[in-house]
PDB file of N, CA and C in Angstrom:
ATOM      1  N   MET A   1      92.055  86.393 102.327  1.00  0.00           N
ATOM      2  CA  MET A   1      93.093  87.391 101.794  1.00  0.00           C
ATOM      3  C   MET A   1      92.248  88.166 100.650  1.00  0.00           C
ATOM      4  N   LYS A   2      92.531  89.604 100.677  1.00  0.00           N
ATOM      5  CA  LYS A   2      92.146  90.360  99.463  1.00  0.00           C
ATOM      6  C   LYS A   2      92.868  90.809  98.559  1.00  0.00           C
ATOM      7  N   ARG A   3      92.642  91.150  97.140  1.00  0.00           N
ATOM      8  CA  ARG A   3      93.608  91.484  96.351  1.00  0.00           C
ATOM      9  C   ARG A   3      93.125  92.883  95.967  1.00  0.00           C
ATOM     10  N   ASN A   4      94.012  93.742  95.725  1.00  0.00           N
ATOM     11  CA  ASN A   4      93.539  95.131  94.947  1.00  0.00           C
ATOM     12  C   ASN A   4      93.570  94.953  93.526  1.00  0.00           C
ATOM     13  N   SER A   5      92.497  95.272  92.812  1.00  0.00           N
ATOM     14  CA  SER A   5      92.440  94.978  91.447  1.00  0.00           C
ATOM     15  C   SER A   5      93.057  95.904  90.656  1.00  0.00           C
ATOM     16  N   LEU A   6      93.558  97.126  91.082  1.00  0.00           N
ATOM     17  CA  LEU A   6      94.226  98.047  90.369  1.00  0.00           C
ATOM     18  C   LEU A   6      95.522  97.669  90.012  1.00  0.00           C
ATOM     19  N   ASN A   7      96.281  97.117  90.902  1.00  0.00           N
ATOM     20  CA  ASN A   7      97.711  96.866  90.620  1.00  0.00           C
ATOM     21  C   ASN A   7      98.135  95.429  90.929  1.00  0.00           C
ATOM     22  N   GLY A   8      97.102  94.507  91.382  1.00  0.00           N
ATOM     23  CA  GLY A   8      97.320  93.147  91.656  1.00  0.00           C
ATOM     24  C   GLY A   8      97.925  93.110  92.825  1.00  0.00           C
ATOM     25  N   GLY A   9      97.948  93.957  93.868  1.00  0.00           N
ATOM     26  CA  GLY A   9      98.940  93.678  94.964  1.00  0.00           C
ATOM     27  C   GLY A   9      97.942  93.374  96.236  1.00  0.00           C
ATOM     28  N   LEU A  10      98.768  92.956  97.123  1.00  0.00           N
ATOM     29  CA  LEU A  10      98.210  92.254  98.347  1.00  0.00           C
ATOM     30  C   LEU A  10      97.728  93.582  99.264  1.00  0.00           C
ATOM     31  N   VAL A  11      96.628  93.551  99.704  1.00  0.00           N
ATOM     32  CA  VAL A  11      96.097  94.731 100.519  1.00  0.00           C
ATOM     33  C   VAL A  11      96.104  94.257 101.993  1.00  0.00           C
ATOM     34  N   TYR A  12      95.616  93.062 102.388  1.00  0.00           N
ATOM     35  CA  TYR A  12      95.459  92.769 103.678  1.00  0.00           C
ATOM     36  C   TYR A  12      95.583  91.161 103.831  1.00  0.00           C
ATOM     37  N   SER A  13      96.407  90.874 104.919  1.00  0.00           N
ATOM     38  CA  SER A  13      96.860  89.472 105.266  1.00  0.00           C
ATOM     39  C   SER A  13      96.311  89.101 106.562  1.00  0.00           C
ATOM     40  N   THR A  14      95.868  87.949 106.639  1.00  0.00           N
ATOM     41  CA  THR A  14      95.251  87.573 107.960  1.00  0.00           C
ATOM     42  C   THR A  14      96.536  87.434 109.055  1.00  0.00           C
ATOM     43  N   GLU A  15      97.738  87.170 108.454  1.00  0.00           N
ATOM     44  CA  GLU A  15      98.935  86.931 109.283  1.00  0.00           C
ATOM     45  C   GLU A  15      99.442  88.150 109.611  1.00  0.00           C
ATOM     46  N   ALA A  16      99.587  89.343 108.749  1.00  0.00           N
ATOM     47  CA  ALA A  16     100.426  90.357 109.093  1.00  0.00           C
ATOM     48  C   ALA A  16      99.506  91.895 109.319  1.00  0.00           C
ATOM     49  N   GLY A  17      98.247  91.511 108.896  1.00  0.00           N
ATOM     50  CA  GLY A  17      97.282  92.710 108.684  1.00  0.00           C
ATOM     51  C   GLY A  17      97.438  93.685 107.494  1.00  0.00           C
ATOM     52  N   ARG A  18      97.399  94.815 107.718  1.00  0.00           N
ATOM     53  CA  ARG A  18      97.309  95.876 106.330  1.00  0.00           C
ATOM     54  C   ARG A  18      98.948  95.760 105.618  1.00  0.00           C
ATOM     55  N   MET A  19      98.940  95.775 104.283  1.00  0.00           N
ATOM     56  CA  MET A  19     100.036  95.551 103.744  1.00  0.00           C
ATOM     57  C   MET A  19     100.354  96.692 103.005  1.00  0.00           C
ATOM     58  N   CYS A  20     101.515  97.313 102.793  1.00  0.00           N
ATOM     59  CA  CYS A  20     102.021  98.395 102.112  1.00  0.00           C
ATOM     60  C   CYS A  20     101.952  98.104 100.552  1.00  0.00           C
ATOM     61  N   PRO A  21     101.204  99.032  99.480  1.00  0.00           N
ATOM     62  CA  PRO A  21     101.163  98.666  98.118  1.00  0.00           C
ATOM     63  C   PRO A  21     102.513  98.939  97.395  1.00  0.00           C
ATOM     64  N   GLY A  22     103.361  99.603  98.177  1.00  0.00           N
ATOM     65  CA  GLY A  22     104.672  99.856  97.448  1.00  0.00           C
ATOM     66  C   GLY A  22     105.495  98.521  97.552  1.00  0.00           C
ATOM     67  N   CYS A  23     105.994  98.368  98.799  1.00  0.00           N
ATOM     68  CA  CYS A  23     106.929  97.407  99.053  1.00  0.00           C
ATOM     69  C   CYS A  23     106.586  95.962  99.286  1.00  0.00           C
ATOM     70  N   ARG A  24     105.063  95.745  99.462  1.00  0.00           N
ATOM     71  CA  ARG A  24     104.372  94.728  99.835  1.00  0.00           C
ATOM     72  C   ARG A  24     104.832  94.054 101.184  1.00  0.00           C
ATOM     73  N   SER A  25     105.322  94.671 101.952  1.00  0.00           N
ATOM     74  CA  SER A  25     105.396  94.318 103.375  1.00  0.00           C
ATOM     75  C   SER A  25     104.468  94.782 104.432  1.00  0.00           C
ATOM     76  N   PRO A  26     104.249  94.301 105.533  1.00  0.00           N
ATOM     77  CA  PRO A  26     103.451  94.668 106.574  1.00  0.00           C
ATOM     78  C   PRO A  26     103.697  96.027 106.807  1.00  0.00           C
ATOM     79  N   ILE A  27     102.418  97.006 106.973  1.00  0.00           N
ATOM     80  CA  ILE A  27     102.594  98.469 107.181  1.00  0.00           C
ATOM     81  C   ILE A  27     103.583  98.887 108.352  1.00  0.00           C
ATOM     82  N   ASP A  28     103.483  97.973 109.497  1.00  0.00           N
ATOM     83  CA  ASP A  28     104.543  98.046 110.428  1.00  0.00           C
ATOM     84  C   ASP A  28     105.970  98.205 110.162  1.00  0.00           C
ATOM     85  N   GLY A  29     106.343  97.346 109.139  1.00  0.00           N
ATOM     86  CA  GLY A  29     107.725  97.258 108.842  1.00  0.00           C
ATOM     87  C   GLY A  29     108.088  97.578 107.361  1.00  0.00           C
ATOM     88  N   CYS A  30     107.094  98.718 106.951  1.00  0.00           N
ATOM     89  CA  CYS A  30     107.273  99.239 105.554  1.00  0.00           C
ATOM     90  C   CYS A  30     108.548  99.806 105.439  1.00  0.00           C
ATOM     91  N   ILE A  31     109.269  99.561 104.259  1.00  0.00           N
ATOM     92  CA  ILE A  31     110.469 100.134 104.088  1.00  0.00           C
ATOM     93  C   ILE A  31     110.475 101.231 103.297  1.00  0.00           C
ATOM     94  N   CYS A  32     109.363 101.500 102.409  1.00  0.00           N
ATOM     95  CA  CYS A  32     109.352 102.494 101.431  1.00  0.00           C
ATOM     96  C   CYS A  32     109.167 103.775 102.244  1.00  0.00           C
ATOM     97  N   LYS A  33     108.513 103.779 103.244  1.00  0.00           N
ATOM     98  CA  LYS A  33     108.329 104.971 104.163  1.00  0.00           C
ATOM     99  C   LYS A  33     109.568 105.538 104.837  1.00  0.00           C
ATOM    100  N   GLN A  34     110.526 104.741 105.158  1.00  0.00           N
ATOM    101  CA  GLN A  34     111.773 104.735 105.693  1.00  0.00           C
ATOM    102  C   GLN A  34     112.496 105.640 104.670  1.00  0.00           C
ATOM    103  N   ALA A  35     112.519 105.196 103.541  1.00  0.00           N
ATOM    104  CA  ALA A  35     113.442 106.103 102.693  1.00  0.00           C
ATOM    105  C   ALA A  35     112.915 107.521 102.160  1.00  0.00           C
ATOM    106  N   ASN A  36     113.398 108.566 102.530  1.00  0.00           N
ATOM    107  CA  ASN A  36     112.954 109.601 102.271  1.00  0.00           C
ATOM    108  C   ASN A  36     113.374 110.301 101.014  1.00  0.00           C
ATOM    109  N   VAL A  37     112.520 110.485  99.966  1.00  0.00           N
ATOM    110  CA  VAL A  37     112.768 110.798  98.889  1.00  0.00           C
ATOM    111  C   VAL A  37     112.676 112.334  98.755  1.00  0.00           C
ATOM    112  N   LEU A  38     113.884 113.038  98.409  1.00  0.00           N
ATOM    113  CA  LEU A  38     113.683 114.430  98.325  1.00  0.00           C
ATOM    114  C   LEU A  38     113.241 114.912  96.959  1.00  0.00           C
ATOM    115  N   PRO A  39     112.784 115.904  96.848  1.00  0.00           N
ATOM    116  CA  PRO A  39     112.095 116.463  95.600  1.00  0.00           C
ATOM    117  C   PRO A  39     113.326 116.886  94.590  1.00  0.00           C
ATOM    118  N   LYS A  40     113.204 116.721  93.449  1.00  0.00           N
ATOM    119  CA  LYS A  40     114.247 117.011  92.604  1.00  0.00           C
ATOM    120  C   LYS A  40     114.212 118.524  92.306  1.00  0.00           C
ATOM    121  N   THR A  41     115.157 119.339  92.341  1.00  0.00           N
ATOM    122  CA  THR A  41     115.012 120.628  91.918  1.00  0.00           C
ATOM    123  C   THR A  41     116.282 121.077  91.146  1.00  0.00           C
ATOM    124  N   ASP A  42     116.239 122.190  90.505  1.00  0.00           N
ATOM    125  CA  ASP A  42     117.460 122.651  89.749  1.00  0.00           C
ATOM    126  C   ASP A  42     118.439 123.588  90.674  1.00  0.00           C
ATOM    127  N   GLY A  43     118.165 123.489  91.875  1.00  0.00           N
ATOM    128  CA  GLY A  43     119.120 124.188  92.907  1.00  0.00           C
ATOM    129  C   GLY A  43     118.712 125.694  93.185  1.00  0.00           C
ATOM    130  N   VAL A  44     117.819 126.270  92.361  1.00  0.00           N
ATOM    131  CA  VAL A  44     117.439 127.478  92.590  1.00  0.00           C
ATOM    132  C   VAL A  44     116.285 127.685  93.536  1.00  0.00           C
ATOM    133  N   VAL A  45     116.051 128.493  94.477  1.00  0.00           N
ATOM    134  CA  VAL A  45     115.043 128.669  95.336  1.00  0.00           C
ATOM    135  C   VAL A  45     114.289 129.972  94.812  1.00  0.00           C
ATOM    136  N   ARG A  46     112.962 129.778  94.460  1.00  0.00           N
ATOM    137  CA  ARG A  46     112.181 130.769  93.666  1.00  0.00           C
ATOM    138  C   ARG A  46     111.148 131.391  94.842  1.00  0.00           C
ATOM    139  N   VAL A  47     111.306 132.598  95.012  1.00  0.00           N
ATOM    140  CA  VAL A  47     110.759 133.463  96.067  1.00  0.00           C
ATOM    141  C   VAL A  47     109.541 134.435  95.223  1.00  0.00           C
ATOM    142  N   SER A  48     108.227 134.465  95.616  1.00  0.00           N
ATOM    143  CA  SER A  48     107.079 134.956  94.790  1.00  0.00           C
ATOM    144  C   SER A  48     106.185 135.561  95.713  1.00  0.00           C
ATOM    145  N   ARG A  49     105.260 136.434  95.268  1.00  0.00           N
ATOM    146  CA  ARG A  49     104.308 137.026  95.968  1.00  0.00           C
ATOM    147  C   ARG A  49     102.829 136.653  95.472  1.00  0.00           C
ATOM    148  N   ASN A  50     101.876 136.307  96.315  1.00  0.00           N
ATOM    149  CA  ASN A  50     100.867 135.666  95.525  1.00  0.00           C
ATOM    150  C   ASN A  50      99.486 136.307  96.684  1.00  0.00           C
ATOM    151  N   THR A  51      98.409 136.655  95.765  1.00  0.00           N
ATOM    152  CA  THR A  51      97.340 136.947  96.730  1.00  0.00           C
ATOM    153  C   THR A  51      95.850 135.991  96.179  1.00  0.00           C
ATOM    154  N   LYS A  52      96.186 135.131  95.240  1.00  0.00           N
ATOM    155  CA  LYS A  52      94.950 134.280  94.824  1.00  0.00           C
ATOM    156  C   LYS A  52      94.380 133.555  95.802  1.00  0.00           C
ATOM    157  N   GLY A  53      93.241 133.454  96.111  1.00  0.00           N
ATOM    158  CA  GLY A  53      92.657 132.321  96.840  1.00  0.00           C
ATOM    159  C   GLY A  53      92.656 132.837  98.242  1.00  0.00           C
ATOM    160  N   ARG A  54      93.059 134.030  98.559  1.00  0.00           N
ATOM    161  CA  ARG A  54      93.315 134.188  99.999  1.00  0.00           C
ATOM    162  C   ARG A  54      92.640 135.426 100.449  1.00  0.00           C
ATOM    163  N   GLY A  55      91.503 135.801  99.832  1.00  0.00           N
ATOM    164  CA  GLY A  55      90.733 136.959 100.047  1.00  0.00           C
ATOM    165  C   GLY A  55      91.483 138.287 100.074  1.00  0.00           C
ATOM    166  N   GLY A  56      92.301 138.595  99.103  1.00  0.00           N
ATOM    167  CA  GLY A  56      93.029 139.554  98.941  1.00  0.00           C
ATOM    168  C   GLY A  56      94.499 139.735  99.773  1.00  0.00           C
ATOM    169  N   LYS A  57      94.593 138.948 100.658  1.00  0.00           N
ATOM    170  CA  LYS A  57      95.635 139.118 101.562  1.00  0.00           C
ATOM    171  C   LYS A  57      96.985 138.515 100.862  1.00  0.00           C
ATOM    172  N   THR A  58      98.279 139.257 100.947  1.00  0.00           N
ATOM    173  CA  THR A  58      99.393 138.783 100.101  1.00  0.00           C
ATOM    174  C   THR A  58     100.091 137.854 101.186  1.00  0.00           C
ATOM    175  N   VAL A  59     100.662 136.702 100.308  1.00  0.00           N
ATOM    176  CA  VAL A  59     101.774 136.045 101.148  1.00  0.00           C
ATOM    177  C   VAL A  59     102.910 135.869 100.208  1.00  0.00           C
ATOM    178  N   THR A  60     103.921 135.572 100.860  1.00  0.00           N
ATOM    179  CA  THR A  60     105.289 135.395 100.106  1.00  0.00           C
ATOM    180  C   THR A  60     105.587 133.699 100.156  1.00  0.00           C
ATOM    181  N   LEU A  61     105.795 133.297  98.757  1.00  0.00           N
ATOM    182  CA  LEU A  61     105.917 131.805  98.673  1.00  0.00           C
ATOM    183  C   LEU A  61     107.324 131.456  98.374  1.00  0.00           C
ATOM    184  N   VAL A  62     107.840 130.489  99.190  1.00  0.00           N
ATOM    185  CA  VAL A  62     109.173 130.020  98.952  1.00  0.00           C
ATOM    186  C   VAL A  62     109.066 128.675  98.410  1.00  0.00           C
ATOM    187  N   LYS A  63     109.436 128.514  96.887  1.00  0.00           N
ATOM    188  CA  LYS A  63     109.611 127.111  96.329  1.00  0.00           C
ATOM    189  C   LYS A  63     110.800 126.642  95.802  1.00  0.00           C
ATOM    190  N   GLY A  64     111.049 125.421  95.664  1.00  0.00           N
ATOM    191  CA  GLY A  64     112.224 124.797  95.230  1.00  0.00           C
ATOM    192  C   GLY A  64     113.429 124.560  95.981  1.00  0.00           C
ATOM    193  N   LEU A  65     112.954 124.194  97.228  1.00  0.00           N
ATOM    194  CA  LEU A  65     113.977 123.766  98.270  1.00  0.00           C
ATOM    195  C   LEU A  65     113.955 122.109  98.415  1.00  0.00           C
ATOM    196  N   ALA A  66     115.012 121.647  98.234  1.00  0.00           N
ATOM    197  CA  ALA A  66     115.359 120.505  98.227  1.00  0.00           C
ATOM    198  C   ALA A  66     115.567 119.875  99.786  1.00  0.00           C
ATOM    199  N   LEU A  67     114.479 120.061 100.510  1.00  0.00           N
ATOM    200  CA  LEU A  67     114.729 119.678 102.020  1.00  0.00           C
ATOM    201  C   LEU A  67     113.386 118.540 102.242  1.00  0.00           C
ATOM    202  N   ASP A  68     113.954 117.673 103.436  1.00  0.00           N
ATOM    203  CA  ASP A  68     112.680 116.728 103.895  1.00  0.00           C
ATOM    204  C   ASP A  68     111.748 117.683 104.633  1.00  0.00           C
ATOM    205  N   GLU A  69     110.773 117.138 104.924  1.00  0.00           N
ATOM    206  CA  GLU A  69     109.797 117.921 105.807  1.00  0.00           C
ATOM    207  C   GLU A  69     110.162 118.510 106.959  1.00  0.00           C
ATOM    208  N   VAL A  70     110.867 117.766 107.725  1.00  0.00           N
ATOM    209  CA  VAL A  70     111.225 118.237 109.010  1.00  0.00           C
ATOM    210  C   VAL A  70     112.136 119.642 109.050  1.00  0.00           C
ATOM    211  N   ALA A  71     113.155 119.467 108.054  1.00  0.00           N
ATOM    212  CA  ALA A  71     114.024 120.645 107.676  1.00  0.00           C
ATOM    213  C   ALA A  71     113.038 121.804 107.037  1.00  0.00           C
ATOM    214  N   LEU A  72     112.169 121.469 106.442  1.00  0.00           N
ATOM    215  CA  LEU A  72     111.397 122.523 105.595  1.00  0.00           C
ATOM    216  C   LEU A  72     110.524 123.180 106.775  1.00  0.00           C
ATOM    217  N   VAL A  73     110.130 122.669 107.546  1.00  0.00           N
ATOM    218  CA  VAL A  73     109.330 123.348 108.555  1.00  0.00           C
ATOM    219  C   VAL A  73     110.239 124.175 109.521  1.00  0.00           C
ATOM    220  N   GLN A  74     111.465 123.721 109.862  1.00  0.00           N
ATOM    221  CA  GLN A  74     112.412 124.374 110.581  1.00  0.00           C
ATOM    222  C   GLN A  74     112.809 125.793 109.770  1.00  0.00           C
ATOM    223  N   LEU A  75     113.270 125.673 108.369  1.00  0.00           N
ATOM    224  CA  LEU A  75     113.606 126.750 107.993  1.00  0.00           C
ATOM    225  C   LEU A  75     112.372 127.777 107.599  1.00  0.00           C
ATOM    226  N   GLY A  76     111.118 127.154 107.623  1.00  0.00           N
ATOM    227  CA  GLY A  76     110.025 128.069 107.462  1.00  0.00           C
ATOM    228  C   GLY A  76     109.999 128.935 108.939  1.00  0.00           C
ATOM    229  N   LYS A  77     110.045 128.169 110.032  1.00  0.00           N
ATOM    230  CA  LYS A  77     110.300 128.857 111.181  1.00  0.00           C
ATOM    231  C   LYS A  77     111.183 129.804 111.314  1.00  0.00           C
ATOM    232  N   GLN A  78     112.336 129.757 110.871  1.00  0.00           N
ATOM    233  CA  GLN A  78     113.342 130.932 110.795  1.00  0.00           C
ATOM    234  C   GLN A  78     112.994 132.102 109.713  1.00  0.00           C
ATOM    235  N   LEU A  79     112.475 131.688 108.781  1.00  0.00           N
ATOM    236  CA  LEU A  79     111.919 132.746 107.702  1.00  0.00           C
ATOM    237  C   LEU A  79     110.960 133.494 108.510  1.00  0.00           C
ATOM    238  N   ARG A  80     110.063 132.988 109.023  1.00  0.00           N
ATOM    239  CA  ARG A  80     108.659 133.518 109.787  1.00  0.00           C
ATOM    240  C   ARG A  80     109.458 134.480 110.946  1.00  0.00           C
ATOM    241  N   SER A  81     110.301 133.958 111.679  1.00  0.00           N
ATOM    242  CA  SER A  81     110.970 134.654 112.759  1.00  0.00           C
ATOM    243  C   SER A  81     111.859 136.055 112.189  1.00  0.00           C
ATOM    244  N   ALA A  82     112.484 135.587 111.184  1.00  0.00           N
ATOM    245  CA  ALA A  82     113.222 136.787 110.587  1.00  0.00           C
ATOM    246  C   ALA A  82     112.100 137.993 109.975  1.00  0.00           C
ATOM    247  N   CYS A  83     111.162 137.713 109.404  1.00  0.00           N
ATOM    248  CA  CYS A  83     110.047 138.643 109.171  1.00  0.00           C
ATOM    249  C   CYS A  83     109.360 139.042 110.125  1.00  0.00           C
ATOM    250  N   GLY A  84     109.256 138.415 111.224  1.00  0.00           N
ATOM    251  CA  GLY A  84     108.263 138.624 112.342  1.00  0.00           C
ATOM    252  C   GLY A  84     106.609 138.554 112.179  1.00  0.00           C
ATOM    253  N   THR A  85     106.449 137.562 111.382  1.00  0.00           N
ATOM    254  CA  THR A  85     105.102 137.187 110.875  1.00  0.00           C
ATOM    255  C   THR A  85     104.583 135.739 110.893  1.00  0.00           C
ATOM    256  N   GLY A  86     103.612 135.360 110.654  1.00  0.00           N
ATOM    257  CA  GLY A  86     102.899 133.918 110.749  1.00  0.00           C
ATOM    258  C   GLY A  86     103.287 133.636 109.333  1.00  0.00           C
ATOM    259  N   GLY A  87     102.889 132.156 109.420  1.00  0.00           N
ATOM    260  CA  GLY A  87     103.000 131.381 107.987  1.00  0.00           C
ATOM    261  C   GLY A  87     102.840 130.121 108.150  1.00  0.00           C
ATOM    262  N   THR A  88     103.282 129.311 107.113  1.00  0.00           N
ATOM    263  CA  THR A  88     102.812 127.836 107.245  1.00  0.00           C
ATOM    264  C   THR A  88     103.726 126.856 106.041  1.00  0.00           C
ATOM    265  N   VAL A  89     103.685 125.902 106.212  1.00  0.00           N
ATOM    266  CA  VAL A  89     104.495 125.029 105.077  1.00  0.00           C
ATOM    267  C   VAL A  89     103.569 123.929 104.538  1.00  0.00           C
ATOM    268  N   LYS A  90     103.121 124.118 103.479  1.00  0.00           N
ATOM    269  CA  LYS A  90     102.197 123.361 102.643  1.00  0.00           C
ATOM    270  C   LYS A  90     102.850 122.622 101.463  1.00  0.00           C
ATOM    271  N   ASP A  91     102.547 121.345 101.217  1.00  0.00           N
ATOM    272  CA  ASP A  91     103.142 120.606 100.013  1.00  0.00           C
ATOM    273  C   ASP A  91     104.649 121.179  99.587  1.00  0.00           C
ATOM    274  N   GLY A  92     105.167 121.303 100.231  1.00  0.00           N
ATOM    275  CA  GLY A  92     106.556 121.675 100.118  1.00  0.00           C
ATOM    276  C   GLY A  92     106.949 123.033  99.899  1.00  0.00           C
ATOM    277  N   VAL A  93     105.817 123.860 100.068  1.00  0.00           N
ATOM    278  CA  VAL A  93     106.033 125.278  99.744  1.00  0.00           C
ATOM    279  C   VAL A  93     105.961 126.181 100.947  1.00  0.00           C
ATOM    280  N   ILE A  94     106.841 126.894 101.348  1.00  0.00           N
ATOM    281  CA  ILE A  94     106.745 127.821 102.485  1.00  0.00           C
ATOM    282  C   ILE A  94     106.092 129.110 102.377  1.00  0.00           C
ATOM    283  N   GLU A  95     104.991 129.312 103.100  1.00  0.00           N
ATOM    284  CA  GLU A  95     104.008 130.294 103.043  1.00  0.00           C
ATOM    285  C   GLU A  95     104.538 131.367 104.226  1.00  0.00           C
ATOM    286  N   VAL A  96     104.885 132.593 103.870  1.00  0.00           N
ATOM    287  CA  VAL A  96     104.994 133.597 104.942  1.00  0.00           C
ATOM    288  C   VAL A  96     104.050 134.836 104.678  1.00  0.00           C
ATOM    289  N   GLN A  97     103.240 135.004 105.730  1.00  0.00           N
ATOM    290  CA  GLN A  97     102.385 136.012 105.745  1.00  0.00           C
ATOM    291  C   GLN A  97     102.599 137.514 105.400  1.00  0.00           C
ATOM    292  N   GLY A  98     102.149 138.066 104.446  1.00  0.00           N
ATOM    293  CA  GLY A  98     102.683 139.306 103.966  1.00  0.00           C
ATOM    294  C   GLY A  98     103.474 139.706 102.882  1.00  0.00           C
ATOM    295  N   ASP A  99     103.892 140.559 102.443  1.00  0.00           N
ATOM    296  CA  ASP A  99     104.833 140.902 101.337  1.00  0.00           C
ATOM    297  C   ASP A  99     106.393 140.918 101.761  1.00  0.00           C
ATOM    298  N   HIS A 100     106.877 139.913 102.135  1.00  0.00           N
ATOM    299  CA  HIS A 100     108.320 139.992 102.752  1.00  0.00           C
ATOM    300  C   HIS A 100     109.394 139.398 101.654  1.00  0.00           C
ATOM    301  N   THR A 101     109.141 139.536 100.468  1.00  0.00           N
ATOM    302  CA  THR A 101     110.000 138.978  99.420  1.00  0.00           C
ATOM    303  C   THR A 101     111.308 139.428  99.542  1.00  0.00           C
ATOM    304  N   ALA A 102     111.700 140.762 100.126  1.00  0.00           N
ATOM    305  CA  ALA A 102     113.050 141.230 100.193  1.00  0.00           C
ATOM    306  C   ALA A 102     113.629 140.640 101.275  1.00  0.00           C
ATOM    307  N   GLN A 103     112.999 140.536 102.443  1.00  0.00           N
ATOM    308  CA  GLN A 103     113.548 139.999 103.499  1.00  0.00           C
ATOM    309  C   GLN A 103     113.964 138.602 103.635  1.00  0.00           C
ATOM    310  N   VAL A 104     112.793 137.969 102.903  1.00  0.00           N
ATOM    311  CA  VAL A 104     113.129 136.334 102.800  1.00  0.00           C
ATOM    312  C   VAL A 104     114.186 135.985 101.877  1.00  0.00           C
ATOM    313  N   MET A 105     114.287 136.731 100.817  1.00  0.00           N
ATOM    314  CA  MET A 105     115.494 136.488  99.739  1.00  0.00           C
ATOM    315  C   MET A 105     116.862 136.813 100.711  1.00  0.00           C
ATOM    316  N   LEU A 106     117.016 137.914 101.351  1.00  0.00           N
ATOM    317  CA  LEU A 106     118.023 138.284 102.013  1.00  0.00           C
ATOM    318  C   LEU A 106     118.406 136.922 103.093  1.00  0.00           C
ATOM    319  N   THR A 107     117.568 136.599 103.799  1.00  0.00           N
ATOM    320  CA  THR A 107     117.742 135.495 104.826  1.00  0.00           C
ATOM    321  C   THR A 107     118.060 134.243 104.096  1.00  0.00           C
ATOM    322  N   LEU A 108     117.617 133.904 103.125  1.00  0.00           N
ATOM    323  CA  LEU A 108     118.022 132.812 102.294  1.00  0.00           C
ATOM    324  C   LEU A 108     119.338 132.728 101.703  1.00  0.00           C
ATOM    325  N   GLN A 109     119.890 133.909 101.174  1.00  0.00           N
ATOM    326  CA  GLN A 109     121.034 134.338 100.695  1.00  0.00           C
ATOM    327  C   GLN A 109     122.061 134.191 101.743  1.00  0.00           C
ATOM    328  N   LYS A 110     121.783 134.513 103.077  1.00  0.00           N
ATOM    329  CA  LYS A 110     122.707 134.454 103.949  1.00  0.00           C
ATOM    330  C   LYS A 110     122.968 133.171 104.522  1.00  0.00           C
ATOM    331  N   LEU A 111     121.891 132.152 104.147  1.00  0.00           N
ATOM    332  CA  LEU A 111     121.926 130.721 104.323  1.00  0.00           C
ATOM    333  C   LEU A 111     122.507 129.913 103.229  1.00  0.00           C
ATOM    334  N   ALA A 112     123.263 130.438 102.323  1.00  0.00           N
ATOM    335  CA  ALA A 112     123.886 130.145 101.073  1.00  0.00           C
ATOM    336  C   ALA A 112     123.082 129.282 100.358  1.00  0.00           C
ATOM    337  N   TYR A 113     121.678 129.819  99.903  1.00  0.00           N
ATOM    338  CA  TYR A 113     120.941 129.311  98.972  1.00  0.00           C
ATOM    339  C   TYR A 113     121.048 130.288  97.834  1.00  0.00           C
ATOM    340  N   VAL A 114     120.753 129.720  96.553  1.00  0.00           N
ATOM    341  CA  VAL A 114     120.680 130.840  95.433  1.00  0.00           C
ATOM    342  C   VAL A 114     119.326 130.755  95.098  1.00  0.00           C
ATOM    343  N   VAL A 115     118.989 132.249  95.374  1.00  0.00           N
ATOM    344  CA  VAL A 115     117.863 132.721  95.199  1.00  0.00           C
ATOM    345  C   VAL A 115     117.437 133.619  94.192  1.00  0.00           C
ATOM    346  N   LYS A 116     116.164 133.467  93.626  1.00  0.00           N
ATOM    347  CA  LYS A 116     115.609 134.225  92.496  1.00  0.00           C
ATOM    348  C   LYS A 116     114.193 134.517  92.658  1.00  0.00           C
ATOM    349  N   GLN A 117     113.958 135.710  92.606  1.00  0.00           N
ATOM    350  CA  GLN A 117     112.348 136.472  92.706  1.00  0.00           C
ATOM    351  C   GLN A 117     111.682 136.030  91.288  1.00  0.00           C
ATOM    352  N   THR A 118     110.508 135.436  91.526  1.00  0.00           N
ATOM    353  CA  THR A 118     109.700 135.293  90.350  1.00  0.00           C
ATOM    354  C   THR A 118     108.401 135.951  90.341  1.00  0.00           C
ATOM    355  N   GLY A 119     107.645 136.097  89.264  1.00  0.00           N
ATOM    356  CA  GLY A 119     106.397 136.883  89.419  1.00  0.00           C
ATOM    357  C   GLY A 119     106.572 138.560  89.394  1.00  0.00           C
ATOM    358  N   ALA A 120     105.580 139.230  89.520  1.00  0.00           N
ATOM    359  CA  ALA A 120     105.503 140.663  89.537  1.00  0.00           C
ATOM    360  C   ALA A 120     106.016 141.212  90.771  1.00  0.00           C
TER     361      ALA A 120
END
């Protein structure tokens, strides 16, 4: 049996295999992954435009949504289809290719979100 030196938690057990460091139960029966923790927000969805690190190409960023990963991906798909463009969801932020801040804000307002444009 090995012990993790950082937090003193059980890492591996010969009886159950790999152990979760959070709830200290086997990975197969981990209860901390089942609890979907939503990010804390102030209730305002922020829409901005960004070109940094993208070779000069503009993307529209949507931040501040208190949704789980599945709902975020579904909303991202809805926004991309409303704008007729591509995009992705990374680290809780929806990225829509191109400068579509007005269309994204309008679509989010129709879905009853409080929307604010940030940046220039």
